[in-house]
Amino acid sequence: MLGEIGSKWLDRLHQQISKDLRANDWSQVEIADMLGTTQSTISRQMMKKPVDLNASADESTIDGWAHELSQALITMGPQSNVIRQRLVLEFQFGGNNTLRFDKTLTGMDLDSDQVQRSLLRRLEWAVGRLDIRKLADSMPAVGLNIASALEGAMVVEDVAAFPGKITLVDGKLRHHETPSFGASTHLATMLIQVMKKDSEKVAILNIKPPLLADGVNIAKVKSVCEDLGYKLAMAPKGVIAKGVSKCDILLDEGAFGWEPSLYVLAHNPLELIDRCHQVLSGF
C-alpha cells in the first residue's frame, strides 16, 4: 500500500514543485540539489505529465501542497541550506486505531559504521532499480557488478560491491550475497583510479560494450557519449590512459583472453543507475 501509493504521492509532488521552481528561473541543478535528486531525474520529471493518482481529491491535495512548498522555496532562494526536516506518517484503522510516526531528520553526519551501512543499503537498492529489458543484451560474460566508495577511498577495503558478481537467471538479476567492503578487487581498483582524477565520481558498474565482428563498436560508444554529453576515456586492460582528468565513461577494448568492458561512472549509486539506463538506451 504505502510503497505504491506513497511513491506516487512523492513523484507527483516533486514534479509539481520542479515545474514551479523552473518557471521561476531555478536551474535544474538547483532544483535537484534542493529536492535531493539528480539533474537528469528532474529533466525527465518535467517532460512527463503529472503522475495520476487514484482520486482527483488526492491530486488536488498534492498539487496544493506542492504550490505552497514551491512558493516558500522561491522566497527562501536556491542557496538556502535545509538543516532539519520533519517526517510524519499516520495510518488510521477501523475500530478507532491509529499508528503515527513523527521523526525529525537532522542532516547530522553519521559515524563511520553508519555511513558504511548506509552505502551498502544504497547498493542493494540500486540493483533493484536496474531495468532488465535494457540490460539483457549488455550483460558481461563474467557477470555485472556495482561498486561505490567511501569519501577519500584509497584502498580496496574502502569500496563496497557485490561478492561473486550479479548474473541474469531466468529473466531476473541474481546475487548470492549482500554487498560488502573489499568484495571486488577489479572494480574497486578501477574506481580508486578514477577518484584520483575525479574525486566526485564514487560509483561504478560494468556492462558489455556494443560489438562488431572484429571487436568493440567504438564509433557507437563515442556517438552515445557525445549525445549524452558524457566524457569518454580509454582504459586498456583496466588502466586509465595517461592524461585523462575527468571522465564519465571508461572503455576497455579488451585483448586476447581479456573481455571488453564499458564502465559507467557517477556521483552516487542512484545517479549511476540513471546513467546506465541512458547509455543502454543509446545502444
C-alpha atoms as a PDB file:
ATOM      1  CA  MET A   1       0.000   0.000   0.000  1.00  0.00           C
ATOM      2  CA  LEU A   2       2.459   2.645   1.153  1.00  0.00           C
ATOM      3  CA  GLY A   3       5.128   1.554  -1.333  1.00  0.00           C
ATOM      4  CA  GLU A   4       2.912   2.022  -4.400  1.00  0.00           C
ATOM      5  CA  ILE A   5       0.648   4.902  -3.377  1.00  0.00           C
ATOM      6  CA  GLY A   6       3.205   6.764  -1.281  1.00  0.00           C
ATOM      7  CA  SER A   7       5.686   6.658  -4.138  1.00  0.00           C
ATOM      8  CA  LYS A   8       3.108   8.192  -6.488  1.00  0.00           C
ATOM      9  CA  TRP A   9       2.381  10.985  -3.998  1.00  0.00           C
ATOM     10  CA  LEU A  10       6.064  11.873  -3.804  1.00  0.00           C
ATOM     11  CA  ASP A  11       6.584  11.612  -7.570  1.00  0.00           C
ATOM     12  CA  ARG A  12       3.695  13.986  -8.285  1.00  0.00           C
ATOM     13  CA  LEU A  13       4.800  16.339  -5.502  1.00  0.00           C
ATOM     14  CA  HIS A  14       8.343  16.502  -6.891  1.00  0.00           C
ATOM     15  CA  GLN A  15       7.052  17.004 -10.443  1.00  0.00           C
ATOM     16  CA  GLN A  16       4.857  19.926  -9.485  1.00  0.00           C
ATOM     17  CA  ILE A  17       7.486  21.568  -7.277  1.00  0.00           C
ATOM     18  CA  SER A  18      10.090  21.169 -10.044  1.00  0.00           C
ATOM     19  CA  LYS A  19       7.833  22.825 -12.630  1.00  0.00           C
ATOM     20  CA  ASP A  20       7.005  25.719 -10.297  1.00  0.00           C
ATOM     21  CA  LEU A  21      10.658  26.337  -9.447  1.00  0.00           C
ATOM     22  CA  ARG A  22      11.767  26.066 -13.084  1.00  0.00           C
ATOM     23  CA  ALA A  23       9.096  28.609 -14.057  1.00  0.00           C
ATOM     24  CA  ASN A  24      10.724  30.947 -11.531  1.00  0.00           C
ATOM     25  CA  ASP A  25      14.169  30.654 -13.154  1.00  0.00           C
ATOM     26  CA  TRP A  26      15.692  27.995 -10.907  1.00  0.00           C
ATOM     27  CA  SER A  27      18.120  25.782 -12.837  1.00  0.00           C
ATOM     28  CA  GLN A  28      17.585  22.024 -12.967  1.00  0.00           C
ATOM     29  CA  VAL A  29      20.746  21.565 -10.897  1.00  0.00           C
ATOM     30  CA  GLU A  30      19.445  23.944  -8.210  1.00  0.00           C
ATOM     31  CA  ILE A  31      16.112  22.102  -8.133  1.00  0.00           C
ATOM     32  CA  ALA A  32      17.864  18.724  -7.892  1.00  0.00           C
ATOM     33  CA  ASP A  33      20.044  19.928  -5.015  1.00  0.00           C
ATOM     34  CA  MET A  34      17.018  21.208  -3.104  1.00  0.00           C
ATOM     35  CA  LEU A  35      14.929  18.062  -3.664  1.00  0.00           C
ATOM     36  CA  GLY A  36      17.808  15.644  -3.070  1.00  0.00           C
ATOM     37  CA  THR A  37      17.874  14.044  -6.502  1.00  0.00           C
ATOM     38  CA  THR A  38      19.773  14.341  -9.807  1.00  0.00           C
ATOM     39  CA  GLN A  39      19.550  16.812 -12.677  1.00  0.00           C
ATOM     40  CA  SER A  40      18.673  14.022 -15.125  1.00  0.00           C
ATOM     41  CA  THR A  41      15.771  12.918 -12.910  1.00  0.00           C
ATOM     42  CA  ILE A  42      14.451  16.493 -12.727  1.00  0.00           C
ATOM     43  CA  SER A  43      14.705  16.789 -16.509  1.00  0.00           C
ATOM     44  CA  ARG A  44      12.653  13.606 -17.021  1.00  0.00           C
ATOM     45  CA  GLN A  45      10.057  14.604 -14.423  1.00  0.00           C
ATOM     46  CA  MET A  46       9.451  17.933 -16.100  1.00  0.00           C
ATOM     47  CA  MET A  47       8.937  16.309 -19.510  1.00  0.00           C
ATOM     48  CA  LYS A  48       6.264  13.928 -18.244  1.00  0.00           C
ATOM     49  CA  LYS A  49       2.656  14.716 -17.429  1.00  0.00           C
ATOM     50  CA  PRO A  50       1.889  14.663 -13.677  1.00  0.00           C
ATOM     51  CA  VAL A  51       1.611  11.192 -12.149  1.00  0.00           C
ATOM     52  CA  ASP A  52      -2.015  10.059 -11.989  1.00  0.00           C
ATOM     53  CA  LEU A  53      -3.327   9.296  -8.506  1.00  0.00           C
ATOM     54  CA  ASN A  54      -6.272   7.106  -7.595  1.00  0.00           C
ATOM     55  CA  ALA A  55      -8.539  10.029  -6.725  1.00  0.00           C
ATOM     56  CA  SER A  56      -8.866  13.575  -8.036  1.00  0.00           C
ATOM     57  CA  ALA A  57      -9.154  14.839  -4.451  1.00  0.00           C
ATOM     58  CA  ASP A  58      -5.698  13.398  -3.717  1.00  0.00           C
ATOM     59  CA  GLU A  59      -4.295  15.080  -6.822  1.00  0.00           C
ATOM     60  CA  SER A  60      -5.744  18.407  -5.713  1.00  0.00           C
ATOM     61  CA  THR A  61      -4.259  17.993  -2.234  1.00  0.00           C
ATOM     62  CA  ILE A  62      -0.784  17.099  -3.530  1.00  0.00           C
ATOM     63  CA  ASP A  63      -0.828  19.901  -6.113  1.00  0.00           C
ATOM     64  CA  GLY A  64      -1.876  22.452  -3.485  1.00  0.00           C
ATOM     65  CA  TRP A  65       0.865  21.278  -1.147  1.00  0.00           C
ATOM     66  CA  ALA A  66       3.415  21.430  -3.963  1.00  0.00           C
ATOM     67  CA  HIS A  67       2.401  25.005  -4.787  1.00  0.00           C
ATOM     68  CA  GLU A  68       2.721  26.087  -1.152  1.00  0.00           C
ATOM     69  CA  LEU A  69       6.128  24.442  -0.817  1.00  0.00           C
ATOM     70  CA  SER A  70       7.443  25.873  -4.073  1.00  0.00           C
ATOM     71  CA  GLN A  71       6.315  29.391  -3.174  1.00  0.00           C
ATOM     72  CA  ALA A  72       8.091  29.088   0.174  1.00  0.00           C
ATOM     73  CA  LEU A  73      11.243  27.774  -1.524  1.00  0.00           C
ATOM     74  CA  ILE A  74      11.160  30.607  -4.060  1.00  0.00           C
ATOM     75  CA  THR A  75      11.049  33.063  -1.163  1.00  0.00           C
ATOM     76  CA  MET A  76      13.973  31.344   0.563  1.00  0.00           C
ATOM     77  CA  GLY A  77      16.042  31.076  -2.632  1.00  0.00           C
ATOM     78  CA  PRO A  78      18.031  28.211  -4.227  1.00  0.00           C
ATOM     79  CA  GLN A  79      21.058  28.713  -1.973  1.00  0.00           C
ATOM     80  CA  SER A  80      19.067  28.055   1.218  1.00  0.00           C
ATOM     81  CA  ASN A  81      20.505  25.379   3.480  1.00  0.00           C
ATOM     82  CA  VAL A  82      17.974  22.867   4.857  1.00  0.00           C
ATOM     83  CA  ILE A  83      19.182  21.737   8.284  1.00  0.00           C
ATOM     84  CA  ARG A  84      16.145  19.851   9.574  1.00  0.00           C
ATOM     85  CA  GLN A  85      13.086  18.106   8.115  1.00  0.00           C
ATOM     86  CA  ARG A  86      10.083  16.591   9.848  1.00  0.00           C
ATOM     87  CA  LEU A  87       8.577  13.321   8.647  1.00  0.00           C
ATOM     88  CA  VAL A  88       5.035  12.484   9.807  1.00  0.00           C
ATOM     89  CA  LEU A  89       3.362   9.216   8.818  1.00  0.00           C
ATOM     90  CA  GLU A  90      -0.063   8.231  10.105  1.00  0.00           C
ATOM     91  CA  PHE A  91      -2.341   5.238   9.490  1.00  0.00           C
ATOM     92  CA  GLN A  92      -5.957   5.204  10.662  1.00  0.00           C
ATOM     93  CA  PHE A  93      -7.685   1.820  11.012  1.00  0.00           C
ATOM     94  CA  GLY A  94     -11.193   0.718  11.790  1.00  0.00           C
ATOM     95  CA  GLY A  95     -12.032   0.426  15.472  1.00  0.00           C
ATOM     96  CA  ASN A  96     -10.554   3.852  16.215  1.00  0.00           C
ATOM     97  CA  ASN A  97      -6.957   2.576  15.952  1.00  0.00           C
ATOM     98  CA  THR A  98      -4.191   4.884  14.756  1.00  0.00           C
ATOM     99  CA  LEU A  99      -0.483   4.400  14.150  1.00  0.00           C
ATOM    100  CA  ARG A 100       1.602   7.589  13.987  1.00  0.00           C
ATOM    101  CA  PHE A 101       5.321   8.055  13.376  1.00  0.00           C
ATOM    102  CA  ASP A 102       6.765  11.541  13.805  1.00  0.00           C
ATOM    103  CA  LYS A 103      10.514  11.867  13.283  1.00  0.00           C
ATOM    104  CA  THR A 104      12.981  14.697  12.808  1.00  0.00           C
ATOM    105  CA  LEU A 105      15.577  14.378  10.052  1.00  0.00           C
ATOM    106  CA  THR A 106      18.501  16.488  11.213  1.00  0.00           C
ATOM    107  CA  GLY A 107      21.033  16.139   8.425  1.00  0.00           C
ATOM    108  CA  MET A 108      23.700  15.323  11.012  1.00  0.00           C
ATOM    109  CA  ASP A 109      26.723  13.347   9.892  1.00  0.00           C
ATOM    110  CA  LEU A 110      26.671   9.659  10.742  1.00  0.00           C
ATOM    111  CA  ASP A 111      29.545   7.863  12.403  1.00  0.00           C
ATOM    112  CA  SER A 112      31.746   5.694  10.200  1.00  0.00           C
ATOM    113  CA  ASP A 113      29.828   2.459  10.812  1.00  0.00           C
ATOM    114  CA  GLN A 114      26.525   4.119   9.955  1.00  0.00           C
ATOM    115  CA  VAL A 115      27.993   5.633   6.796  1.00  0.00           C
ATOM    116  CA  GLN A 116      29.179   2.206   5.693  1.00  0.00           C
ATOM    117  CA  ARG A 117      25.819   0.554   6.400  1.00  0.00           C
ATOM    118  CA  SER A 118      24.033   3.318   4.522  1.00  0.00           C
ATOM    119  CA  LEU A 119      26.257   2.822   1.476  1.00  0.00           C
ATOM    120  CA  LEU A 120      25.613  -0.939   1.488  1.00  0.00           C
ATOM    121  CA  ARG A 121      21.847  -0.333   1.583  1.00  0.00           C
ATOM    122  CA  ARG A 122      22.081   2.074  -1.344  1.00  0.00           C
ATOM    123  CA  LEU A 123      23.902  -0.542  -3.416  1.00  0.00           C
ATOM    124  CA  GLU A 124      21.163  -3.116  -2.779  1.00  0.00           C
ATOM    125  CA  TRP A 125      18.542  -0.544  -3.688  1.00  0.00           C
ATOM    126  CA  ALA A 126      20.453   0.356  -6.864  1.00  0.00           C
ATOM    127  CA  VAL A 127      20.441  -3.246  -8.115  1.00  0.00           C
ATOM    128  CA  GLY A 128      16.679  -3.351  -7.659  1.00  0.00           C
ATOM    129  CA  ARG A 129      16.317  -0.340  -9.977  1.00  0.00           C
ATOM    130  CA  LEU A 130      18.195  -1.856 -12.928  1.00  0.00           C
ATOM    131  CA  ASP A 131      15.951  -2.332 -15.972  1.00  0.00           C
ATOM    132  CA  ILE A 132      16.493  -5.909 -17.112  1.00  0.00           C
ATOM    133  CA  ARG A 133      14.898  -5.221 -20.508  1.00  0.00           C
ATOM    134  CA  LYS A 134      17.609  -2.682 -21.306  1.00  0.00           C
ATOM    135  CA  LEU A 135      20.388  -4.658 -19.664  1.00  0.00           C
ATOM    136  CA  ALA A 136      19.764  -8.123 -21.108  1.00  0.00           C
ATOM    137  CA  ASP A 137      21.910  -7.714 -24.251  1.00  0.00           C
ATOM    138  CA  SER A 138      24.721  -5.960 -22.385  1.00  0.00           C
ATOM    139  CA  MET A 139      25.403  -8.405 -19.555  1.00  0.00           C
ATOM    140  CA  PRO A 140      29.150  -9.148 -19.381  1.00  0.00           C
ATOM    141  CA  ALA A 141      30.127 -12.796 -19.720  1.00  0.00           C
ATOM    142  CA  VAL A 142      31.943 -12.561 -16.391  1.00  0.00           C
ATOM    143  CA  GLY A 143      28.903 -11.009 -14.716  1.00  0.00           C
ATOM    144  CA  LEU A 144      27.924  -7.487 -13.772  1.00  0.00           C
ATOM    145  CA  ASN A 145      28.851  -5.695 -10.581  1.00  0.00           C
ATOM    146  CA  ILE A 146      28.166  -2.345  -8.947  1.00  0.00           C
ATOM    147  CA  ALA A 147      30.585  -0.657  -6.594  1.00  0.00           C
ATOM    148  CA  SER A 148      30.630   2.537  -4.599  1.00  0.00           C
ATOM    149  CA  ALA A 149      33.353   4.069  -2.451  1.00  0.00           C
ATOM    150  CA  LEU A 150      33.574   5.944   0.792  1.00  0.00           C
ATOM    151  CA  GLU A 151      34.745   9.538   0.564  1.00  0.00           C
ATOM    152  CA  GLY A 152      38.510   9.686   0.107  1.00  0.00           C
ATOM    153  CA  ALA A 153      38.821   5.956  -0.642  1.00  0.00           C
ATOM    154  CA  MET A 154      42.423   4.887  -1.163  1.00  0.00           C
ATOM    155  CA  VAL A 155      42.336   1.082  -0.824  1.00  0.00           C
ATOM    156  CA  VAL A 156      40.094  -1.760  -1.993  1.00  0.00           C
ATOM    157  CA  GLU A 157      38.655  -2.138   1.513  1.00  0.00           C
ATOM    158  CA  ASP A 158      37.115   1.362   1.193  1.00  0.00           C
ATOM    159  CA  VAL A 159      34.978   0.256  -1.764  1.00  0.00           C
ATOM    160  CA  ALA A 160      31.767  -1.777  -1.437  1.00  0.00           C
ATOM    161  CA  ALA A 161      30.491  -4.169  -4.116  1.00  0.00           C
ATOM    162  CA  PHE A 162      28.678  -7.487  -4.502  1.00  0.00           C
ATOM    163  CA  PRO A 163      30.707 -10.651  -3.847  1.00  0.00           C
ATOM    164  CA  GLY A 164      30.602 -13.120  -6.709  1.00  0.00           C
ATOM    165  CA  LYS A 165      29.062 -10.765  -9.302  1.00  0.00           C
ATOM    166  CA  ILE A 166      25.444 -10.229 -10.365  1.00  0.00           C
ATOM    167  CA  THR A 167      24.052 -12.541 -13.029  1.00  0.00           C
ATOM    168  CA  LEU A 168      20.893 -12.839 -15.112  1.00  0.00           C
ATOM    169  CA  VAL A 169      18.973 -16.050 -14.364  1.00  0.00           C
ATOM    170  CA  ASP A 170      15.503 -16.812 -15.758  1.00  0.00           C
ATOM    171  CA  GLY A 171      14.975 -13.163 -16.604  1.00  0.00           C
ATOM    172  CA  LYS A 172      15.914 -11.890 -13.149  1.00  0.00           C
ATOM    173  CA  LEU A 173      19.066 -10.393 -11.685  1.00  0.00           C
ATOM    174  CA  ARG A 174      20.573 -12.632  -9.032  1.00  0.00           C
ATOM    175  CA  HIS A 175      23.266 -12.020  -6.443  1.00  0.00           C
ATOM    176  CA  HIS A 176      24.012 -14.704  -3.902  1.00  0.00           C
ATOM    177  CA  GLU A 177      25.394 -12.416  -1.202  1.00  0.00           C
ATOM    178  CA  THR A 178      24.734  -8.923   0.074  1.00  0.00           C
ATOM    179  CA  PRO A 179      27.258  -6.183  -0.783  1.00  0.00           C
ATOM    180  CA  SER A 180      30.305  -5.785   1.394  1.00  0.00           C
ATOM    181  CA  PHE A 181      33.507  -3.768   1.506  1.00  0.00           C
ATOM    182  CA  GLY A 182      36.517  -5.232  -0.286  1.00  0.00           C
ATOM    183  CA  ALA A 183      34.327  -7.601  -2.330  1.00  0.00           C
ATOM    184  CA  SER A 184      35.548  -6.650  -5.825  1.00  0.00           C
ATOM    185  CA  THR A 185      39.243  -6.035  -6.321  1.00  0.00           C
ATOM    186  CA  HIS A 186      38.884  -5.197 -10.025  1.00  0.00           C
ATOM    187  CA  LEU A 187      36.036  -2.661  -9.788  1.00  0.00           C
ATOM    188  CA  ALA A 188      37.490  -1.168  -6.616  1.00  0.00           C
ATOM    189  CA  THR A 189      40.864  -0.679  -8.316  1.00  0.00           C
ATOM    190  CA  MET A 190      39.167   0.957 -11.299  1.00  0.00           C
ATOM    191  CA  LEU A 191      37.154   3.287  -9.078  1.00  0.00           C
ATOM    192  CA  ILE A 192      40.160   4.320  -6.982  1.00  0.00           C
ATOM    193  CA  GLN A 193      41.993   5.196 -10.218  1.00  0.00           C
ATOM    194  CA  VAL A 194      39.027   7.339 -11.247  1.00  0.00           C
ATOM    195  CA  MET A 195      38.778   9.076  -7.866  1.00  0.00           C
ATOM    196  CA  LYS A 196      42.404  10.164  -8.063  1.00  0.00           C
ATOM    197  CA  LYS A 197      41.491  12.061 -11.240  1.00  0.00           C
ATOM    198  CA  ASP A 198      37.867  12.985 -10.475  1.00  0.00           C
ATOM    199  CA  SER A 199      37.178  12.691  -6.753  1.00  0.00           C
ATOM    200  CA  GLU A 200      33.424  13.268  -7.117  1.00  0.00           C
ATOM    201  CA  LYS A 201      32.890  10.053  -9.092  1.00  0.00           C
ATOM    202  CA  VAL A 202      32.373   7.440  -6.371  1.00  0.00           C
ATOM    203  CA  ALA A 203      30.163   4.831  -8.076  1.00  0.00           C
ATOM    204  CA  ILE A 204      30.865   2.439 -10.958  1.00  0.00           C
ATOM    205  CA  LEU A 205      29.334  -0.519 -12.803  1.00  0.00           C
ATOM    206  CA  ASN A 206      30.475  -2.640 -15.724  1.00  0.00           C
ATOM    207  CA  ILE A 207      28.491  -3.632 -18.815  1.00  0.00           C
ATOM    208  CA  LYS A 208      29.336  -5.218 -22.184  1.00  0.00           C
ATOM    209  CA  PRO A 209      30.001  -2.582 -24.867  1.00  0.00           C
ATOM    210  CA  PRO A 210      28.348  -2.842 -28.299  1.00  0.00           C
ATOM    211  CA  LEU A 211      30.367  -5.192 -30.505  1.00  0.00           C
ATOM    212  CA  LEU A 212      31.159  -5.657 -34.174  1.00  0.00           C
ATOM    213  CA  ALA A 213      32.526  -8.789 -35.813  1.00  0.00           C
ATOM    214  CA  ASP A 214      36.095  -7.587 -35.264  1.00  0.00           C
ATOM    215  CA  GLY A 215      35.765  -6.009 -31.826  1.00  0.00           C
ATOM    216  CA  VAL A 216      34.147  -3.147 -29.942  1.00  0.00           C
ATOM    217  CA  ASN A 217      31.956  -0.726 -31.877  1.00  0.00           C
ATOM    218  CA  ILE A 218      33.943   2.320 -30.748  1.00  0.00           C
ATOM    219  CA  ALA A 219      32.061   4.657 -33.075  1.00  0.00           C
ATOM    220  CA  LYS A 220      28.775   3.734 -31.395  1.00  0.00           C
ATOM    221  CA  VAL A 221      30.231   4.258 -27.923  1.00  0.00           C
ATOM    222  CA  LYS A 222      31.602   7.665 -28.913  1.00  0.00           C
ATOM    223  CA  SER A 223      28.310   8.657 -30.512  1.00  0.00           C
ATOM    224  CA  VAL A 224      26.282   7.765 -27.409  1.00  0.00           C
ATOM    225  CA  CYS A 225      28.702   9.636 -25.157  1.00  0.00           C
ATOM    226  CA  GLU A 226      28.535  12.722 -27.377  1.00  0.00           C
ATOM    227  CA  ASP A 227      24.729  12.618 -27.436  1.00  0.00           C
ATOM    228  CA  LEU A 228      24.586  12.412 -23.639  1.00  0.00           C
ATOM    229  CA  GLY A 229      27.379  14.908 -23.034  1.00  0.00           C
ATOM    230  CA  TYR A 230      29.500  12.288 -21.256  1.00  0.00           C
ATOM    231  CA  LYS A 231      33.288  12.387 -21.321  1.00  0.00           C
ATOM    232  CA  LEU A 232      34.764   9.131 -22.636  1.00  0.00           C
ATOM    233  CA  ALA A 233      38.200   7.828 -21.646  1.00  0.00           C
ATOM    234  CA  MET A 234      40.050   4.684 -22.656  1.00  0.00           C
ATOM    235  CA  ALA A 235      41.212   2.134 -20.087  1.00  0.00           C
ATOM    236  CA  PRO A 236      43.124  -0.698 -21.800  1.00  0.00           C
ATOM    237  CA  LYS A 237      43.260  -3.760 -19.547  1.00  0.00           C
ATOM    238  CA  GLY A 238      41.765  -1.767 -16.701  1.00  0.00           C
ATOM    239  CA  VAL A 239      44.359   1.010 -16.654  1.00  0.00           C
ATOM    240  CA  ILE A 240      43.109   4.511 -17.387  1.00  0.00           C
ATOM    241  CA  ALA A 241      45.037   6.174 -20.200  1.00  0.00           C
ATOM    242  CA  LYS A 242      47.537   8.890 -19.283  1.00  0.00           C
ATOM    243  CA  GLY A 243      46.392  12.490 -19.500  1.00  0.00           C
ATOM    244  CA  VAL A 244      42.781  11.723 -18.536  1.00  0.00           C
ATOM    245  CA  SER A 245      41.272  14.068 -15.977  1.00  0.00           C
ATOM    246  CA  LYS A 246      37.506  13.988 -15.520  1.00  0.00           C
ATOM    247  CA  CYS A 247      35.559  11.126 -17.090  1.00  0.00           C
ATOM    248  CA  ASP A 248      32.045   9.674 -17.155  1.00  0.00           C
ATOM    249  CA  ILE A 249      32.570   6.511 -19.205  1.00  0.00           C
ATOM    250  CA  LEU A 250      35.598   4.223 -19.413  1.00  0.00           C
ATOM    251  CA  LEU A 251      36.100   1.845 -22.329  1.00  0.00           C
ATOM    252  CA  ASP A 252      38.368  -1.192 -22.229  1.00  0.00           C
ATOM    253  CA  GLU A 253      38.510  -2.646 -25.766  1.00  0.00           C
ATOM    254  CA  GLY A 254      39.787  -5.972 -24.445  1.00  0.00           C
ATOM    255  CA  ALA A 255      42.545  -8.180 -25.785  1.00  0.00           C
ATOM    256  CA  PHE A 256      43.340 -11.861 -26.240  1.00  0.00           C
ATOM    257  CA  GLY A 257      41.887 -13.571 -23.172  1.00  0.00           C
ATOM    258  CA  TRP A 258      40.617 -10.231 -21.852  1.00  0.00           C
ATOM    259  CA  GLU A 259      36.895  -9.400 -22.142  1.00  0.00           C
ATOM    260  CA  PRO A 260      35.952  -5.914 -23.440  1.00  0.00           C
ATOM    261  CA  SER A 261      34.221  -3.794 -20.806  1.00  0.00           C
ATOM    262  CA  LEU A 262      32.464  -0.468 -20.577  1.00  0.00           C
ATOM    263  CA  TYR A 263      32.378   1.237 -17.183  1.00  0.00           C
ATOM    264  CA  VAL A 264      29.748   3.790 -16.248  1.00  0.00           C
ATOM    265  CA  LEU A 265      30.707   6.305 -13.541  1.00  0.00           C
ATOM    266  CA  ALA A 266      28.553   8.565 -11.366  1.00  0.00           C
ATOM    267  CA  HIS A 267      28.438  10.680  -8.217  1.00  0.00           C
ATOM    268  CA  ASN A 268      26.294   8.138  -6.314  1.00  0.00           C
ATOM    269  CA  PRO A 269      24.534   4.785  -6.863  1.00  0.00           C
ATOM    270  CA  LEU A 270      21.211   6.488  -7.673  1.00  0.00           C
ATOM    271  CA  GLU A 271      22.700   8.545 -10.489  1.00  0.00           C
ATOM    272  CA  LEU A 272      24.726   5.523 -11.616  1.00  0.00           C
ATOM    273  CA  ILE A 273      21.586   3.556 -12.496  1.00  0.00           C
ATOM    274  CA  ASP A 274      20.090   6.529 -14.345  1.00  0.00           C
ATOM    275  CA  ARG A 275      23.282   6.958 -16.367  1.00  0.00           C
ATOM    276  CA  CYS A 276      23.476   3.239 -17.136  1.00  0.00           C
ATOM    277  CA  HIS A 277      19.921   3.262 -18.495  1.00  0.00           C
ATOM    278  CA  GLN A 278      20.692   6.317 -20.629  1.00  0.00           C
ATOM    279  CA  VAL A 279      23.761   4.647 -22.130  1.00  0.00           C
ATOM    280  CA  LEU A 280      21.944   1.353 -22.756  1.00  0.00           C
ATOM    281  CA  SER A 281      19.078   3.182 -24.479  1.00  0.00           C
ATOM    282  CA  GLY A 282      21.641   4.605 -26.920  1.00  0.00           C
ATOM    283  CA  PHE A 283      22.926   1.144 -27.829  1.00  0.00           C
END
